[in-house]
Amino acid sequence: MPSEVEILSDYIRTELGYNGELTPELDLFGKKVLDSFSIVQIAVFIQDRFHLELDADDLVGENFSTLSRIVALIAKRTS
């Protein structure tokens, strides 16, 4: 079973078209992997894929700045 990081990396590569290196601590905004529009896209994907509900308060850049922080958000919402 793929990890959350692998699932998110696959999504970013296939749906957002990013072909560079993706590590858990990579600054996704600094490297222009994500922007404000793609936060909404990935949030919808996370809700569907992990069967959870994100609040508007969750949709802040800090929660989506790295794959590690996205995984932490998923963990918070699934616990």
N, C-alpha and C. Protein backbone atom coordinates (compact mmCIF):
# COMPACT_ATOMS: atom_id res chain seq x y z
N MET A 1 0.85 -1.18 0.00
CA MET A 1 0.00 0.00 0.00
C MET A 1 0.89 1.25 0.00
N PRO A 2 0.66 2.17 -0.92
CA PRO A 2 1.50 3.38 -0.99
C PRO A 2 1.26 4.29 0.22
N SER A 3 2.30 5.00 0.62
CA SER A 3 2.20 5.95 1.72
C SER A 3 1.48 7.21 1.26
N GLU A 4 1.09 8.04 2.22
CA GLU A 4 0.45 9.31 1.87
C GLU A 4 1.37 10.18 1.01
N VAL A 5 2.66 10.18 1.34
CA VAL A 5 3.62 10.97 0.57
C VAL A 5 3.66 10.48 -0.88
N GLU A 6 3.67 9.17 -1.07
CA GLU A 6 3.69 8.61 -2.43
C GLU A 6 2.40 8.95 -3.18
N ILE A 7 1.27 8.85 -2.51
CA ILE A 7 -0.01 9.17 -3.13
C ILE A 7 -0.04 10.64 -3.55
N LEU A 8 0.38 11.53 -2.65
CA LEU A 8 0.40 12.96 -2.95
C LEU A 8 1.40 13.28 -4.06
N SER A 9 2.56 12.64 -4.02
CA SER A 9 3.57 12.87 -5.06
C SER A 9 3.04 12.45 -6.42
N ASP A 10 2.40 11.29 -6.48
CA ASP A 10 1.81 10.83 -7.74
C ASP A 10 0.77 11.81 -8.26
N TYR A 11 -0.07 12.32 -7.36
CA TYR A 11 -1.09 13.29 -7.76
C TYR A 11 -0.43 14.56 -8.31
N ILE A 12 0.55 15.07 -7.61
CA ILE A 12 1.23 16.29 -8.04
C ILE A 12 1.88 16.10 -9.41
N ARG A 13 2.45 14.95 -9.62
CA ARG A 13 3.10 14.68 -10.91
C ARG A 13 2.08 14.52 -12.04
N THR A 14 1.04 13.73 -11.80
CA THR A 14 0.09 13.45 -12.89
C THR A 14 -0.92 14.56 -13.11
N GLU A 15 -1.45 15.13 -12.06
CA GLU A 15 -2.51 16.13 -12.21
C GLU A 15 -1.99 17.56 -12.32
N LEU A 16 -0.89 17.86 -11.65
CA LEU A 16 -0.37 19.22 -11.68
C LEU A 16 0.83 19.37 -12.61
N GLY A 17 1.34 18.24 -13.12
CA GLY A 17 2.38 18.27 -14.12
C GLY A 17 3.77 18.62 -13.63
N TYR A 18 4.02 18.44 -12.34
CA TYR A 18 5.36 18.74 -11.81
C TYR A 18 6.28 17.55 -12.03
N ASN A 19 7.44 17.79 -12.63
CA ASN A 19 8.36 16.70 -12.95
C ASN A 19 9.65 16.72 -12.14
N GLY A 20 9.81 17.70 -11.27
CA GLY A 20 11.05 17.80 -10.49
C GLY A 20 11.04 16.87 -9.29
N GLU A 21 12.09 16.99 -8.49
CA GLU A 21 12.23 16.18 -7.29
C GLU A 21 11.17 16.57 -6.26
N LEU A 22 10.58 15.57 -5.63
CA LEU A 22 9.60 15.80 -4.56
C LEU A 22 10.06 15.06 -3.32
N THR A 23 10.43 15.81 -2.30
CA THR A 23 10.80 15.22 -1.02
C THR A 23 9.79 15.69 0.02
N PRO A 24 9.69 15.00 1.14
CA PRO A 24 8.70 15.39 2.15
C PRO A 24 8.86 16.83 2.67
N GLU A 25 10.08 17.37 2.63
CA GLU A 25 10.32 18.72 3.17
C GLU A 25 10.50 19.80 2.09
N LEU A 26 10.32 19.45 0.83
CA LEU A 26 10.47 20.43 -0.25
C LEU A 26 9.45 21.56 -0.08
N ASP A 27 9.91 22.80 -0.20
CA ASP A 27 9.02 23.97 -0.13
C ASP A 27 8.19 24.02 -1.42
N LEU A 28 6.94 23.58 -1.33
CA LEU A 28 6.09 23.45 -2.52
C LEU A 28 5.73 24.80 -3.14
N PHE A 29 5.69 25.85 -2.35
CA PHE A 29 5.40 27.18 -2.90
C PHE A 29 6.66 27.83 -3.44
N GLY A 30 7.75 27.69 -2.71
CA GLY A 30 9.03 28.25 -3.15
C GLY A 30 9.51 27.67 -4.46
N LYS A 31 9.24 26.39 -4.67
CA LYS A 31 9.63 25.72 -5.91
C LYS A 31 8.55 25.80 -6.99
N LYS A 32 7.49 26.55 -6.69
CA LYS A 32 6.38 26.77 -7.64
C LYS A 32 5.67 25.48 -8.03
N VAL A 33 5.63 24.51 -7.09
CA VAL A 33 4.89 23.27 -7.30
C VAL A 33 3.41 23.54 -7.09
N LEU A 34 3.09 24.31 -6.05
CA LEU A 34 1.71 24.67 -5.73
C LEU A 34 1.53 26.17 -5.76
N ASP A 35 0.30 26.59 -6.06
CA ASP A 35 -0.10 27.99 -5.94
C ASP A 35 -1.49 28.00 -5.30
N SER A 36 -2.10 29.16 -5.19
CA SER A 36 -3.39 29.24 -4.49
C SER A 36 -4.48 28.41 -5.17
N PHE A 37 -4.46 28.32 -6.48
CA PHE A 37 -5.46 27.51 -7.17
C PHE A 37 -5.23 26.03 -6.93
N SER A 38 -3.98 25.60 -6.98
CA SER A 38 -3.71 24.17 -6.80
C SER A 38 -3.95 23.70 -5.38
N ILE A 39 -3.95 24.62 -4.40
CA ILE A 39 -4.34 24.23 -3.03
C ILE A 39 -5.77 23.69 -3.05
N VAL A 40 -6.64 24.38 -3.75
CA VAL A 40 -8.04 23.93 -3.84
C VAL A 40 -8.11 22.58 -4.54
N GLN A 41 -7.36 22.42 -5.63
CA GLN A 41 -7.35 21.14 -6.35
C GLN A 41 -6.89 20.00 -5.47
N ILE A 42 -5.78 20.20 -4.77
CA ILE A 42 -5.25 19.12 -3.96
C ILE A 42 -6.13 18.87 -2.73
N ALA A 43 -6.79 19.92 -2.23
CA ALA A 43 -7.71 19.74 -1.10
C ALA A 43 -8.89 18.86 -1.50
N VAL A 44 -9.43 19.08 -2.67
CA VAL A 44 -10.54 18.24 -3.17
C VAL A 44 -10.06 16.80 -3.33
N PHE A 45 -8.86 16.63 -3.89
CA PHE A 45 -8.29 15.29 -4.04
C PHE A 45 -8.14 14.61 -2.68
N ILE A 46 -7.60 15.31 -1.70
CA ILE A 46 -7.38 14.75 -0.36
C ILE A 46 -8.71 14.31 0.25
N GLN A 47 -9.72 15.15 0.14
CA GLN A 47 -11.02 14.79 0.70
C GLN A 47 -11.58 13.52 0.05
N ASP A 48 -11.47 13.43 -1.26
CA ASP A 48 -11.97 12.26 -1.98
C ASP A 48 -11.13 11.02 -1.70
N ARG A 49 -9.83 11.15 -1.78
CA ARG A 49 -8.93 9.99 -1.66
C ARG A 49 -8.87 9.43 -0.25
N PHE A 50 -8.88 10.33 0.75
CA PHE A 50 -8.71 9.89 2.13
C PHE A 50 -10.02 9.91 2.92
N HIS A 51 -11.12 10.21 2.24
CA HIS A 51 -12.46 10.19 2.83
C HIS A 51 -12.52 11.01 4.12
N LEU A 52 -12.16 12.28 3.98
CA LEU A 52 -12.20 13.17 5.13
C LEU A 52 -12.74 14.53 4.70
N GLU A 53 -13.05 15.33 5.66
CA GLU A 53 -13.61 16.66 5.42
C GLU A 53 -12.61 17.71 5.89
N LEU A 54 -12.24 18.63 5.02
CA LEU A 54 -11.38 19.74 5.40
C LEU A 54 -12.24 20.97 5.64
N ASP A 55 -11.87 21.73 6.66
CA ASP A 55 -12.55 22.99 6.96
C ASP A 55 -11.88 24.12 6.20
N ALA A 56 -12.57 25.23 6.08
CA ALA A 56 -11.99 26.41 5.42
C ALA A 56 -10.71 26.83 6.14
N ASP A 57 -10.67 26.66 7.46
CA ASP A 57 -9.47 27.01 8.23
C ASP A 57 -8.27 26.15 7.88
N ASP A 58 -8.52 24.97 7.31
CA ASP A 58 -7.43 24.07 6.90
C ASP A 58 -6.76 24.53 5.62
N LEU A 59 -7.45 25.32 4.82
CA LEU A 59 -6.97 25.70 3.48
C LEU A 59 -6.07 26.92 3.52
N VAL A 60 -5.01 26.81 4.31
CA VAL A 60 -4.03 27.89 4.42
C VAL A 60 -2.69 27.37 3.90
N GLY A 61 -1.88 28.27 3.40
CA GLY A 61 -0.61 27.91 2.82
C GLY A 61 0.28 27.09 3.74
N GLU A 62 0.28 27.41 5.01
CA GLU A 62 1.13 26.69 5.97
C GLU A 62 0.85 25.18 5.94
N ASN A 63 -0.42 24.79 5.84
CA ASN A 63 -0.78 23.37 5.83
C ASN A 63 -0.37 22.67 4.54
N PHE A 64 -0.10 23.43 3.50
CA PHE A 64 0.23 22.85 2.19
C PHE A 64 1.64 23.20 1.73
N SER A 65 2.46 23.70 2.63
CA SER A 65 3.79 24.17 2.23
C SER A 65 4.77 23.05 1.94
N THR A 66 4.58 21.87 2.53
CA THR A 66 5.41 20.70 2.26
C THR A 66 4.53 19.46 2.26
N LEU A 67 5.04 18.39 1.68
CA LEU A 67 4.30 17.13 1.73
C LEU A 67 4.14 16.66 3.17
N SER A 68 5.14 16.89 4.00
CA SER A 68 5.05 16.49 5.41
C SER A 68 3.90 17.21 6.11
N ARG A 69 3.73 18.48 5.82
CA ARG A 69 2.64 19.23 6.46
C ARG A 69 1.28 18.78 5.93
N ILE A 70 1.20 18.41 4.67
CA ILE A 70 -0.05 17.89 4.12
C ILE A 70 -0.39 16.57 4.80
N VAL A 71 0.61 15.71 4.97
CA VAL A 71 0.39 14.42 5.65
C VAL A 71 -0.05 14.66 7.09
N ALA A 72 0.53 15.64 7.76
CA ALA A 72 0.12 15.97 9.13
C ALA A 72 -1.33 16.44 9.17
N LEU A 73 -1.73 17.21 8.18
CA LEU A 73 -3.13 17.65 8.09
C LEU A 73 -4.06 16.46 7.90
N ILE A 74 -3.67 15.54 7.04
CA ILE A 74 -4.46 14.33 6.82
C ILE A 74 -4.58 13.55 8.13
N ALA A 75 -3.47 13.39 8.83
CA ALA A 75 -3.48 12.66 10.10
C ALA A 75 -4.39 13.34 11.12
N LYS A 76 -4.33 14.66 11.16
CA LYS A 76 -5.16 15.42 12.10
C LYS A 76 -6.64 15.21 11.80
N ARG A 77 -7.00 15.20 10.53
CA ARG A 77 -8.41 15.07 10.13
C ARG A 77 -8.92 13.64 10.19
N THR A 78 -8.04 12.66 10.18
CA THR A 78 -8.48 11.27 10.23
C THR A 78 -8.46 10.71 11.65
N SER A 79 -7.92 11.48 12.60
CA SER A 79 -7.86 10.97 13.98
C SER A 79 -9.10 11.31 14.76
